[in-house]
C-alpha atoms as a PDB file:
ATOM      1  CA  MET A   1       2.796  48.596 165.821  1.00  0.00           C
ATOM      2  CA  LYS A   2       6.138  47.069 164.855  1.00  0.00           C
ATOM      3  CA  LYS A   3       8.213  45.922 167.821  1.00  0.00           C
ATOM      4  CA  LYS A   4      11.588  47.634 168.263  1.00  0.00           C
ATOM      5  CA  THR A   5      14.683  45.510 167.777  1.00  0.00           C
ATOM      6  CA  THR A   6      16.630  44.845 170.991  1.00  0.00           C
ATOM      7  CA  ILE A   7      20.109  43.514 171.719  1.00  0.00           C
ATOM      8  CA  TYR A   8      18.420  40.197 172.555  1.00  0.00           C
ATOM      9  CA  ASP A   9      17.124  39.963 168.968  1.00  0.00           C
ATOM     10  CA  ILE A  10      20.643  40.513 167.651  1.00  0.00           C
ATOM     11  CA  ALA A  11      22.047  37.970 170.117  1.00  0.00           C
ATOM     12  CA  LYS A  12      19.463  35.371 169.030  1.00  0.00           C
ATOM     13  CA  GLU A  13      20.182  36.046 165.354  1.00  0.00           C
ATOM     14  CA  LEU A  14      23.932  35.474 165.852  1.00  0.00           C
ATOM     15  CA  ASN A  15      23.660  32.827 168.573  1.00  0.00           C
ATOM     16  CA  ILE A  16      25.775  34.847 171.018  1.00  0.00           C
ATOM     17  CA  THR A  17      25.020  36.407 174.410  1.00  0.00           C
ATOM     18  CA  ALA A  18      23.301  39.769 174.837  1.00  0.00           C
ATOM     19  CA  ALA A  19      26.290  40.885 176.916  1.00  0.00           C
ATOM     20  CA  THR A  20      28.593  40.232 173.938  1.00  0.00           C
ATOM     21  CA  VAL A  21      26.281  42.248 171.674  1.00  0.00           C
ATOM     22  CA  SER A  22      26.243  45.131 174.162  1.00  0.00           C
ATOM     23  CA  ARG A  23      30.035  45.142 174.444  1.00  0.00           C
ATOM     24  CA  ALA A  24      30.434  45.013 170.657  1.00  0.00           C
ATOM     25  CA  LEU A  25      28.033  47.931 170.149  1.00  0.00           C
ATOM     26  CA  ASN A  26      29.988  49.954 172.729  1.00  0.00           C
ATOM     27  CA  ASP A  27      33.342  49.156 171.089  1.00  0.00           C
ATOM     28  CA  ASN A  28      34.651  47.183 174.079  1.00  0.00           C
ATOM     29  CA  PRO A  29      38.302  46.160 173.495  1.00  0.00           C
ATOM     30  CA  ARG A  30      37.527  42.667 174.857  1.00  0.00           C
ATOM     31  CA  ILE A  31      35.476  41.915 171.735  1.00  0.00           C
ATOM     32  CA  SER A  32      37.256  40.939 168.515  1.00  0.00           C
ATOM     33  CA  ALA A  33      37.107  43.155 165.442  1.00  0.00           C
ATOM     34  CA  ASP A  34      35.328  40.404 163.458  1.00  0.00           C
ATOM     35  CA  THR A  35      32.600  40.037 166.094  1.00  0.00           C
ATOM     36  CA  LYS A  36      32.126  43.817 166.272  1.00  0.00           C
ATOM     37  CA  LYS A  37      31.801  43.971 162.498  1.00  0.00           C
ATOM     38  CA  LEU A  38      29.248  41.133 162.470  1.00  0.00           C
ATOM     39  CA  VAL A  39      27.206  42.678 165.291  1.00  0.00           C
ATOM     40  CA  MET A  40      27.196  46.120 163.640  1.00  0.00           C
ATOM     41  CA  ALA A  41      26.101  44.655 160.295  1.00  0.00           C
ATOM     42  CA  THR A  42      23.297  42.662 161.948  1.00  0.00           C
ATOM     43  CA  ALA A  43      22.180  45.680 163.991  1.00  0.00           C
ATOM     44  CA  LYS A  44      21.952  47.726 160.815  1.00  0.00           C
ATOM     45  CA  ARG A  45      20.049  44.982 158.971  1.00  0.00           C
ATOM     46  CA  LEU A  46      17.555  44.618 161.833  1.00  0.00           C
ATOM     47  CA  ASN A  47      17.240  48.423 162.110  1.00  0.00           C
ATOM     48  CA  TYR A  48      18.420  48.425 165.738  1.00  0.00           C
ATOM     49  CA  LYS A  49      18.480  51.822 167.469  1.00  0.00           C
ATOM     50  CA  GLN A  50      20.516  52.221 170.644  1.00  0.00           C
ATOM     51  CA  ASN A  51      18.701  53.705 173.644  1.00  0.00           C
ATOM     52  CA  ARG A  52      20.739  56.825 174.288  1.00  0.00           C
ATOM     53  CA  VAL A  53      19.020  57.574 177.599  1.00  0.00           C
ATOM     54  CA  ALA A  54      19.879  54.137 178.927  1.00  0.00           C
ATOM     55  CA  GLN A  55      23.417  54.490 177.606  1.00  0.00           C
ATOM     56  CA  ALA A  56      23.804  57.850 179.349  1.00  0.00           C
ATOM     57  CA  LEU A  57      22.536  56.501 182.659  1.00  0.00           C
ATOM     58  CA  LYS A  58      24.864  53.523 182.445  1.00  0.00           C
ATOM     59  CA  SER A  59      28.002  55.348 181.307  1.00  0.00           C
ATOM     60  CA  GLY A  60      27.424  58.709 182.974  1.00  0.00           C
ATOM     61  CA  LYS A  61      27.865  60.327 179.542  1.00  0.00           C
ATOM     62  CA  SER A  62      25.114  61.876 177.438  1.00  0.00           C
ATOM     63  CA  LYS A  63      27.160  61.758 174.202  1.00  0.00           C
ATOM     64  CA  ASN A  64      25.984  65.346 173.598  1.00  0.00           C
ATOM     65  CA  VAL A  65      28.358  68.287 173.161  1.00  0.00           C
ATOM     66  CA  GLY A  66      27.233  71.912 173.247  1.00  0.00           C
ATOM     67  CA  VAL A  67      28.637  74.441 170.787  1.00  0.00           C
ATOM     68  CA  VAL A  68      28.071  78.111 171.627  1.00  0.00           C
ATOM     69  CA  LEU A  69      28.849  80.790 169.055  1.00  0.00           C
ATOM     70  CA  PRO A  70      27.755  84.330 168.174  1.00  0.00           C
ATOM     71  CA  TYR A  71      26.069  83.572 164.836  1.00  0.00           C
ATOM     72  CA  ILE A  72      25.458  80.427 162.802  1.00  0.00           C
ATOM     73  CA  ASN A  73      25.010  82.297 159.522  1.00  0.00           C
ATOM     74  CA  ARG A  74      28.632  83.459 159.292  1.00  0.00           C
ATOM     75  CA  ASN A  75      30.728  81.325 156.964  1.00  0.00           C
ATOM     76  CA  PHE A  76      33.573  81.242 159.498  1.00  0.00           C
ATOM     77  CA  PHE A  77      31.405  79.834 162.298  1.00  0.00           C
ATOM     78  CA  SER A  78      29.430  77.449 160.077  1.00  0.00           C
ATOM     79  CA  THR A  79      32.714  76.007 158.822  1.00  0.00           C
ATOM     80  CA  VAL A  80      33.982  75.641 162.411  1.00  0.00           C
ATOM     81  CA  ILE A  81      30.778  73.678 163.158  1.00  0.00           C
ATOM     82  CA  ARG A  82      31.454  71.436 160.165  1.00  0.00           C
ATOM     83  CA  GLY A  83      34.939  70.691 161.512  1.00  0.00           C
ATOM     84  CA  ILE A  84      33.561  69.894 164.981  1.00  0.00           C
ATOM     85  CA  GLU A  85      30.897  67.570 163.585  1.00  0.00           C
ATOM     86  CA  GLU A  86      33.351  65.783 161.287  1.00  0.00           C
ATOM     87  CA  GLU A  87      35.416  64.835 164.330  1.00  0.00           C
ATOM     88  CA  LEU A  88      32.669  64.145 166.879  1.00  0.00           C
ATOM     89  CA  ASN A  89      29.887  62.473 164.895  1.00  0.00           C
ATOM     90  CA  PRO A  90      31.955  59.378 163.979  1.00  0.00           C
ATOM     91  CA  LYS A  91      32.695  59.002 167.707  1.00  0.00           C
ATOM     92  CA  GLY A  92      28.964  58.830 168.447  1.00  0.00           C
ATOM     93  CA  TYR A  93      28.535  62.383 169.730  1.00  0.00           C
ATOM     94  CA  ASN A  94      25.590  64.640 168.927  1.00  0.00           C
ATOM     95  CA  VAL A  95      26.422  68.318 168.504  1.00  0.00           C
ATOM     96  CA  ILE A  96      23.962  70.823 169.992  1.00  0.00           C
ATOM     97  CA  ILE A  97      24.456  74.150 168.184  1.00  0.00           C
ATOM     98  CA  THR A  98      23.421  77.403 169.877  1.00  0.00           C
ATOM     99  CA  GLN A  99      23.922  81.081 169.061  1.00  0.00           C
ATOM    100  CA  THR A 100      24.143  84.080 171.367  1.00  0.00           C
ATOM    101  CA  HIS A 101      23.610  86.910 168.844  1.00  0.00           C
ATOM    102  CA  GLU A 102      26.494  88.629 170.682  1.00  0.00           C
ATOM    103  CA  LYS A 103      24.377  88.931 173.878  1.00  0.00           C
ATOM    104  CA  ALA A 104      26.041  88.125 177.217  1.00  0.00           C
ATOM    105  CA  ASN A 105      22.753  87.318 178.987  1.00  0.00           C
ATOM    106  CA  LYS A 106      21.773  84.899 176.241  1.00  0.00           C
ATOM    107  CA  GLU A 107      25.190  83.235 176.499  1.00  0.00           C
ATOM    108  CA  ILE A 108      24.777  82.782 180.268  1.00  0.00           C
ATOM    109  CA  ASP A 109      21.328  81.180 179.782  1.00  0.00           C
ATOM    110  CA  ILE A 110      22.593  78.902 177.022  1.00  0.00           C
ATOM    111  CA  VAL A 111      25.530  77.640 179.089  1.00  0.00           C
ATOM    112  CA  GLN A 112      23.221  76.927 182.058  1.00  0.00           C
ATOM    113  CA  ASN A 113      20.744  75.097 179.818  1.00  0.00           C
ATOM    114  CA  LEU A 114      23.533  72.967 178.347  1.00  0.00           C
ATOM    115  CA  LEU A 115      24.738  72.065 181.836  1.00  0.00           C
ATOM    116  CA  ASN A 116      21.159  71.188 182.830  1.00  0.00           C
ATOM    117  CA  ALA A 117      21.017  68.936 179.764  1.00  0.00           C
ATOM    118  CA  GLN A 118      24.160  67.207 181.099  1.00  0.00           C
ATOM    119  CA  VAL A 119      26.285  67.727 178.003  1.00  0.00           C
ATOM    120  CA  ASP A 120      29.685  66.047 178.051  1.00  0.00           C
ATOM    121  CA  GLY A 121      31.488  69.228 177.012  1.00  0.00           C
ATOM    122  CA  ILE A 122      31.048  72.820 175.882  1.00  0.00           C
ATOM    123  CA  LEU A 123      32.925  74.396 172.968  1.00  0.00           C
ATOM    124  CA  ILE A 124      32.438  78.165 172.931  1.00  0.00           C
ATOM    125  CA  SER A 125      33.333  81.365 171.108  1.00  0.00           C
ATOM    126  CA  VAL A 126      32.300  84.107 173.534  1.00  0.00           C
ATOM    127  CA  SER A 127      30.033  87.023 172.643  1.00  0.00           C
ATOM    128  CA  ARG A 128      31.240  90.599 172.328  1.00  0.00           C
ATOM    129  CA  GLN A 129      29.300  91.541 175.453  1.00  0.00           C
ATOM    130  CA  THR A 130      30.762  88.821 177.673  1.00  0.00           C
ATOM    131  CA  ASN A 131      32.664  90.471 180.522  1.00  0.00           C
ATOM    132  CA  SER A 132      31.900  88.056 183.363  1.00  0.00           C
ATOM    133  CA  ASN A 133      33.483  84.628 183.682  1.00  0.00           C
ATOM    134  CA  ASP A 134      31.132  83.236 186.343  1.00  0.00           C
ATOM    135  CA  HIS A 135      29.040  81.096 183.976  1.00  0.00           C
ATOM    136  CA  LEU A 136      32.213  79.753 182.369  1.00  0.00           C
ATOM    137  CA  THR A 137      33.950  78.813 185.603  1.00  0.00           C
ATOM    138  CA  GLN A 138      30.713  77.050 186.583  1.00  0.00           C
ATOM    139  CA  VAL A 139      31.257  74.676 183.650  1.00  0.00           C
ATOM    140  CA  LEU A 140      34.639  73.621 185.013  1.00  0.00           C
ATOM    141  CA  LYS A 141      33.256  73.297 188.550  1.00  0.00           C
ATOM    142  CA  LYS A 142      30.855  70.697 187.137  1.00  0.00           C
ATOM    143  CA  ASN A 143      33.881  68.816 185.716  1.00  0.00           C
ATOM    144  CA  VAL A 144      32.681  69.478 182.178  1.00  0.00           C
ATOM    145  CA  PRO A 145      35.431  70.159 179.609  1.00  0.00           C
ATOM    146  CA  LEU A 146      35.399  73.787 178.392  1.00  0.00           C
ATOM    147  CA  ILE A 147      37.140  74.557 175.110  1.00  0.00           C
ATOM    148  CA  PHE A 148      37.232  78.069 173.655  1.00  0.00           C
ATOM    149  CA  PHE A 149      37.656  78.606 169.922  1.00  0.00           C
ATOM    150  CA  ASP A 150      38.464  81.854 168.103  1.00  0.00           C
ATOM    151  CA  ARG A 151      37.321  84.140 170.937  1.00  0.00           C
ATOM    152  CA  LYS A 152      38.505  83.110 174.391  1.00  0.00           C
ATOM    153  CA  LYS A 153      38.637  84.083 178.023  1.00  0.00           C
ATOM    154  CA  ASP A 154      41.681  83.333 180.141  1.00  0.00           C
ATOM    155  CA  ILE A 155      40.231  80.949 182.700  1.00  0.00           C
ATOM    156  CA  LYS A 156      42.256  78.441 184.678  1.00  0.00           C
ATOM    157  CA  GLY A 157      41.323  74.968 183.490  1.00  0.00           C
ATOM    158  CA  GLY A 158      39.807  76.140 180.201  1.00  0.00           C
ATOM    159  CA  SER A 159      41.429  75.051 176.940  1.00  0.00           C
ATOM    160  CA  SER A 160      41.473  76.989 173.686  1.00  0.00           C
ATOM    161  CA  VAL A 161      42.047  76.779 169.947  1.00  0.00           C
ATOM    162  CA  THR A 162      42.758  80.184 168.452  1.00  0.00           C
ATOM    163  CA  LEU A 163      44.439  81.815 165.495  1.00  0.00           C
ATOM    164  CA  ASP A 164      47.621  83.823 165.885  1.00  0.00           C
ATOM    165  CA  ASP A 165      45.739  87.070 165.232  1.00  0.00           C
ATOM    166  CA  PHE A 166      48.821  89.150 165.980  1.00  0.00           C
ATOM    167  CA  GLN A 167      50.784  87.371 163.264  1.00  0.00           C
ATOM    168  CA  GLY A 168      47.901  87.561 160.795  1.00  0.00           C
ATOM    169  CA  ALA A 169      47.611  91.333 161.226  1.00  0.00           C
ATOM    170  CA  TYR A 170      51.394  91.700 161.092  1.00  0.00           C
ATOM    171  CA  LYS A 171      51.552  89.804 157.774  1.00  0.00           C
ATOM    172  CA  ALA A 172      48.706  91.855 156.283  1.00  0.00           C
ATOM    173  CA  THR A 173      50.284  95.192 157.268  1.00  0.00           C
ATOM    174  CA  GLN A 174      53.756  94.105 156.184  1.00  0.00           C
ATOM    175  CA  HIS A 175      52.338  93.130 152.784  1.00  0.00           C
ATOM    176  CA  LEU A 176      50.764  96.582 152.373  1.00  0.00           C
ATOM    177  CA  ILE A 177      54.083  98.213 153.261  1.00  0.00           C
ATOM    178  CA  ALA A 178      55.802  96.029 150.639  1.00  0.00           C
ATOM    179  CA  GLN A 179      53.359  97.437 148.061  1.00  0.00           C
ATOM    180  CA  GLY A 180      54.668 100.933 148.823  1.00  0.00           C
ATOM    181  CA  CYS A 181      51.849 101.994 151.162  1.00  0.00           C
ATOM    182  CA  THR A 182      52.979 104.305 153.973  1.00  0.00           C
ATOM    183  CA  LYS A 183      49.693 105.657 155.360  1.00  0.00           C
ATOM    184  CA  ILE A 184      47.900 102.492 156.400  1.00  0.00           C
ATOM    185  CA  ALA A 185      44.612 102.681 158.291  1.00  0.00           C
ATOM    186  CA  HIS A 186      43.175  99.925 160.457  1.00  0.00           C
ATOM    187  CA  MET A 187      39.441  99.259 160.754  1.00  0.00           C
ATOM    188  CA  THR A 188      38.771  97.292 163.928  1.00  0.00           C
ATOM    189  CA  ILE A 189      35.654  95.909 165.610  1.00  0.00           C
ATOM    190  CA  ASP A 190      35.564  95.606 169.397  1.00  0.00           C
ATOM    191  CA  LEU A 191      38.814  96.179 171.270  1.00  0.00           C
ATOM    192  CA  ALA A 192      37.274  94.628 174.388  1.00  0.00           C
ATOM    193  CA  LEU A 193      37.853  91.286 172.648  1.00  0.00           C
ATOM    194  CA  LEU A 194      41.345  89.809 172.727  1.00  0.00           C
ATOM    195  CA  ILE A 195      41.343  88.849 169.042  1.00  0.00           C
ATOM    196  CA  TYR A 196      40.905  92.477 167.972  1.00  0.00           C
ATOM    197  CA  GLN A 197      43.467  93.689 170.508  1.00  0.00           C
ATOM    198  CA  ASN A 198      45.941  91.254 168.978  1.00  0.00           C
ATOM    199  CA  ARG A 199      45.147  92.350 165.423  1.00  0.00           C
ATOM    200  CA  LEU A 200      45.725  95.985 166.395  1.00  0.00           C
ATOM    201  CA  ALA A 201      49.010  95.035 168.086  1.00  0.00           C
ATOM    202  CA  GLY A 202      50.214  93.140 165.003  1.00  0.00           C
ATOM    203  CA  TYR A 203      49.362  96.110 162.784  1.00  0.00           C
ATOM    204  CA  LYS A 204      51.269  98.497 165.075  1.00  0.00           C
ATOM    205  CA  GLN A 205      54.281  96.171 165.290  1.00  0.00           C
ATOM    206  CA  ALA A 206      54.617  96.006 161.490  1.00  0.00           C
ATOM    207  CA  LEU A 207      54.463  99.806 161.251  1.00  0.00           C
ATOM    208  CA  SER A 208      57.078 100.185 163.976  1.00  0.00           C
ATOM    209  CA  GLU A 209      59.491  97.721 162.391  1.00  0.00           C
ATOM    210  CA  HIS A 210      59.356  99.655 159.121  1.00  0.00           C
ATOM    211  CA  GLY A 211      59.824 103.065 160.716  1.00  0.00           C
ATOM    212  CA  ILE A 212      56.257 104.231 160.088  1.00  0.00           C
ATOM    213  CA  ASP A 213      54.754 106.350 162.857  1.00  0.00           C
ATOM    214  CA  PHE A 214      51.516 105.084 164.357  1.00  0.00           C
ATOM    215  CA  ASN A 215      48.669 107.529 163.723  1.00  0.00           C
ATOM    216  CA  PRO A 216      45.701 107.001 166.096  1.00  0.00           C
ATOM    217  CA  ASP A 217      43.452 108.845 163.621  1.00  0.00           C
ATOM    218  CA  TYR A 218      43.976 105.930 161.248  1.00  0.00           C
ATOM    219  CA  VAL A 219      42.407 103.433 163.667  1.00  0.00           C
ATOM    220  CA  ILE A 220      38.637 103.412 163.379  1.00  0.00           C
ATOM    221  CA  GLY A 221      35.973 101.157 164.894  1.00  0.00           C
ATOM    222  CA  LEU A 222      33.141  99.521 162.990  1.00  0.00           C
ATOM    223  CA  GLN A 223      30.594  96.737 163.181  1.00  0.00           C
ATOM    224  CA  SER A 224      31.214  93.770 160.913  1.00  0.00           C
ATOM    225  CA  GLU A 225      28.725  94.977 158.296  1.00  0.00           C
ATOM    226  CA  ILE A 226      29.248  96.431 154.823  1.00  0.00           C
ATOM    227  CA  VAL A 227      27.551  99.748 155.618  1.00  0.00           C
ATOM    228  CA  ALA A 228      29.904 100.262 158.582  1.00  0.00           C
ATOM    229  CA  GLY A 229      32.867  99.762 156.251  1.00  0.00           C
ATOM    230  CA  ILE A 230      31.469 102.427 153.955  1.00  0.00           C
ATOM    231  CA  ASP A 231      31.022 104.878 156.842  1.00  0.00           C
ATOM    232  CA  ALA A 232      34.492 104.145 158.216  1.00  0.00           C
ATOM    233  CA  ALA A 233      36.097 104.692 154.804  1.00  0.00           C
ATOM    234  CA  LYS A 234      34.236 108.015 154.473  1.00  0.00           C
ATOM    235  CA  LYS A 235      35.676 109.193 157.802  1.00  0.00           C
ATOM    236  CA  LEU A 236      39.182 108.078 156.883  1.00  0.00           C
ATOM    237  CA  MET A 237      39.113 109.744 153.464  1.00  0.00           C
ATOM    238  CA  SER A 238      37.857 112.998 154.980  1.00  0.00           C
ATOM    239  CA  LEU A 239      40.975 113.329 157.160  1.00  0.00           C
ATOM    240  CA  PRO A 240      43.387 116.197 156.300  1.00  0.00           C
ATOM    241  CA  GLU A 241      45.896 113.518 155.294  1.00  0.00           C
ATOM    242  CA  PRO A 242      43.874 110.472 154.192  1.00  0.00           C
ATOM    243  CA  PRO A 243      45.409 106.985 154.141  1.00  0.00           C
ATOM    244  CA  ASP A 244      46.593 105.120 151.058  1.00  0.00           C
ATOM    245  CA  ALA A 245      45.660 101.654 152.338  1.00  0.00           C
ATOM    246  CA  ILE A 246      43.294  99.899 154.753  1.00  0.00           C
ATOM    247  CA  PHE A 247      43.809  96.762 156.763  1.00  0.00           C
ATOM    248  CA  SER A 248      40.357  95.729 157.981  1.00  0.00           C
ATOM    249  CA  ALA A 249      39.778  93.279 160.833  1.00  0.00           C
ATOM    250  CA  THR A 250      36.764  91.968 158.911  1.00  0.00           C
ATOM    251  CA  ASP A 251      36.117  91.113 155.263  1.00  0.00           C
ATOM    252  CA  LEU A 252      32.712  92.809 155.259  1.00  0.00           C
ATOM    253  CA  GLY A 253      34.366  96.018 156.452  1.00  0.00           C
ATOM    254  CA  ALA A 254      36.915  95.694 153.626  1.00  0.00           C
ATOM    255  CA  LEU A 255      34.098  95.169 151.117  1.00  0.00           C
ATOM    256  CA  GLY A 256      32.280  98.297 152.305  1.00  0.00           C
ATOM    257  CA  ALA A 257      35.488 100.331 152.142  1.00  0.00           C
ATOM    258  CA  ILE A 258      36.150  99.196 148.562  1.00  0.00           C
ATOM    259  CA  GLN A 259      32.605 100.155 147.518  1.00  0.00           C
ATOM    260  CA  TYR A 260      33.075 103.688 148.851  1.00  0.00           C
ATOM    261  CA  LEU A 261      36.579 104.080 147.435  1.00  0.00           C
ATOM    262  CA  LYS A 262      35.286 103.153 143.967  1.00  0.00           C
ATOM    263  CA  GLU A 263      32.450 105.687 144.354  1.00  0.00           C
ATOM    264  CA  ILE A 264      34.939 108.507 144.936  1.00  0.00           C
ATOM    265  CA  GLY A 265      37.002 107.472 141.919  1.00  0.00           C
ATOM    266  CA  LYS A 266      39.862 105.591 143.561  1.00  0.00           C
ATOM    267  CA  THR A 267      41.420 102.862 141.446  1.00  0.00           C
ATOM    268  CA  ILE A 268      42.207  99.735 143.451  1.00  0.00           C
ATOM    269  CA  PRO A 269      44.960  98.724 143.899  1.00  0.00           C
ATOM    270  CA  ASP A 270      46.824 101.420 141.919  1.00  0.00           C
ATOM    271  CA  ASP A 271      45.601 104.342 144.052  1.00  0.00           C
ATOM    272  CA  PHE A 272      44.610 102.454 147.176  1.00  0.00           C
ATOM    273  CA  CYS A 273      45.184  98.959 148.658  1.00  0.00           C
ATOM    274  CA  VAL A 274      42.804  96.977 150.888  1.00  0.00           C
ATOM    275  CA  VAL A 275      43.264  93.782 152.917  1.00  0.00           C
ATOM    276  CA  GLY A 276      40.560  92.052 154.964  1.00  0.00           C
ATOM    277  CA  PHE A 277      40.512  89.331 157.615  1.00  0.00           C
ATOM    278  CA  SER A 278      38.745  85.933 157.657  1.00  0.00           C
ATOM    279  CA  ASN A 279      38.953  84.934 153.965  1.00  0.00           C
ATOM    280  CA  GLU A 280      35.191  84.682 153.533  1.00  0.00           C
ATOM    281  CA  PRO A 281      34.231  82.849 150.293  1.00  0.00           C
ATOM    282  CA  PHE A 282      32.976  86.048 148.595  1.00  0.00           C
ATOM    283  CA  THR A 283      36.469  87.599 148.774  1.00  0.00           C
ATOM    284  CA  GLN A 284      37.856  85.399 146.002  1.00  0.00           C
ATOM    285  CA  PHE A 285      34.842  85.411 143.665  1.00  0.00           C
ATOM    286  CA  MET A 286      34.335  89.152 143.266  1.00  0.00           C
ATOM    287  CA  GLU A 287      35.177  91.152 140.159  1.00  0.00           C
ATOM    288  CA  LEU A 288      37.924  92.637 142.333  1.00  0.00           C
ATOM    289  CA  PRO A 289      39.055  89.727 144.569  1.00  0.00           C
ATOM    290  CA  ILE A 290      39.958  90.885 148.081  1.00  0.00           C
ATOM    291  CA  SER A 291      43.196  89.972 149.848  1.00  0.00           C
ATOM    292  CA  SER A 292      42.461  88.464 153.241  1.00  0.00           C
ATOM    293  CA  VAL A 293      43.976  86.620 156.210  1.00  0.00           C
ATOM    294  CA  ASP A 294      42.697  83.047 156.307  1.00  0.00           C
ATOM    295  CA  GLN A 295      41.538  81.813 159.729  1.00  0.00           C
ATOM    296  CA  SER A 296      41.461  78.055 158.951  1.00  0.00           C
ATOM    297  CA  PRO A 297      37.951  77.553 160.412  1.00  0.00           C
ATOM    298  CA  LEU A 298      37.687  73.873 159.401  1.00  0.00           C
ATOM    299  CA  LEU A 299      41.002  73.076 161.099  1.00  0.00           C
ATOM    300  CA  MET A 300      39.971  75.165 164.114  1.00  0.00           C
ATOM    301  CA  GLY A 301      36.750  73.174 164.508  1.00  0.00           C
ATOM    302  CA  LYS A 302      38.485  69.819 164.098  1.00  0.00           C
ATOM    303  CA  THR A 303      41.216  70.785 166.558  1.00  0.00           C
ATOM    304  CA  ALA A 304      38.724  72.028 169.175  1.00  0.00           C
ATOM    305  CA  ALA A 305      36.856  68.722 168.893  1.00  0.00           C
ATOM    306  CA  LYS A 306      40.101  66.748 169.262  1.00  0.00           C
ATOM    307  CA  VAL A 307      41.008  68.721 172.400  1.00  0.00           C
ATOM    308  CA  PHE A 308      37.587  67.837 173.828  1.00  0.00           C
ATOM    309  CA  LEU A 309      38.060  64.145 173.010  1.00  0.00           C
ATOM    310  CA  GLU A 310      41.473  64.153 174.700  1.00  0.00           C
ATOM    311  CA  GLN A 311      39.965  65.675 177.831  1.00  0.00           C
ATOM    312  CA  ILE A 312      36.860  63.483 177.995  1.00  0.00           C
ATOM    313  CA  ASP A 313      39.093  60.403 177.768  1.00  0.00           C
ATOM    314  CA  SER A 314      41.342  61.741 180.535  1.00  0.00           C
ATOM    315  CA  ASP A 315      40.919  61.371 184.277  1.00  0.00           C
ATOM    316  CA  ASP A 316      41.353  65.133 184.613  1.00  0.00           C
ATOM    317  CA  VAL A 317      39.078  67.218 182.350  1.00  0.00           C
ATOM    318  CA  LYS A 318      40.706  70.406 183.677  1.00  0.00           C
ATOM    319  CA  ILE A 319      44.006  69.782 181.884  1.00  0.00           C
ATOM    320  CA  GLU A 320      44.654  72.992 179.944  1.00  0.00           C
ATOM    321  CA  LYS A 321      45.637  72.795 176.304  1.00  0.00           C
ATOM    322  CA  ASN A 322      46.060  75.979 174.285  1.00  0.00           C
ATOM    323  CA  VAL A 323      46.519  75.489 170.546  1.00  0.00           C
ATOM    324  CA  VAL A 324      47.456  78.465 168.359  1.00  0.00           C
ATOM    325  CA  LEU A 325      47.004  78.054 164.594  1.00  0.00           C
ATOM    326  CA  SER A 326      49.243  79.863 162.114  1.00  0.00           C
ATOM    327  CA  PRO A 327      47.492  82.292 159.747  1.00  0.00           C
ATOM    328  CA  THR A 328      48.069  82.555 156.008  1.00  0.00           C
ATOM    329  CA  LEU A 329      47.626  85.678 153.911  1.00  0.00           C
ATOM    330  CA  GLU A 330      45.756  85.146 150.645  1.00  0.00           C
ATOM    331  CA  ILE A 331      47.014  87.905 148.359  1.00  0.00           C
ATOM    332  CA  ARG A 332      44.603  89.029 145.628  1.00  0.00           C
ATOM    333  CA  LYS A 333      44.000  92.030 143.366  1.00  0.00           C
ATOM    334  CA  SER A 334      42.717  94.415 146.063  1.00  0.00           C
ATOM    335  CA  SER A 335      46.232  94.874 147.435  1.00  0.00           C
ATOM    336  CA  LEU A 336      48.624  93.771 144.712  1.00  0.00           C
ATOM    337  CA  LYS A 337      49.801  96.770 142.685  1.00  0.00           C
ATOM    338  CA  ARG A 338      50.585  96.094 139.035  1.00  0.00           C
ATOM    339  CA  ASP A 339      54.136  97.374 139.301  1.00  0.00           C
ATOM    340  CA  ASN A 340      54.702  94.861 142.108  1.00  0.00           C
ATOM    341  CA  GLN A 341      53.312  91.833 140.288  1.00  0.00           C
END
């Protein structure tokens, strides 16, 4: 069995002390850049692998960060993960990815397991079912940085990176009004979550500013699946006075609505306009590209990771930092009437 390379092997190879090798590998400022470069190159050549357990015991840091999100197979969340990893991996952190499937009990178990594993921080987008903050406040009690992204809870000491959902919804609704739409429906998801409350509020604000009365019959709930968008559109179009546009809080809902509207002979966007939210990749590659509010998931992930790094390097991990990203509206054929082009 081949013997593992140690720092003593590297030290012997370079004729320097093992302590110098250790400091160089741990990026100690007392070691010159040239020495660090030489040590790193030699370590790579000798196939040296650092003992992470020993490092953790010595430094008190595991170099592991937990990421908790509803689903991994959503483009938005997978892109957030990419942003987190792009920031943390070069700093030597491993990212532990977990998913709750929108279950509060699963989220509670995951957070406890991550704490038991002594992660250095937890980045989380809470589940739809999460209504208790106990497991989240426990993170802060353990002096572990807690950073929310996209979906957050207002907890003292917790930081967050979110999108200005109010502004995104406002822009989407204002755009539909500019296209001549006056009976605009809103398909929402779960109004127990702050992001959907804010999207509803932005929609209502745009209507109010343009003198359009808010019609509660035009607000309809759905799950973020295509079939739910179809069902919601059916209900809306069966109203005595059906809408002439839909602003959906999800792209999949918008896609389902468009499918149904085409089935009943509506021409989009001439007869009916649709805008979604999230700017999923499929929205721009369809035969009828869908207008959508972009959530900047890559930037959100990178920013959440940077907030963590700021806190882990600080003496006080409970310093709150709340970053709000500005949304952009990607306007495509589903909402752009020909006479307005």
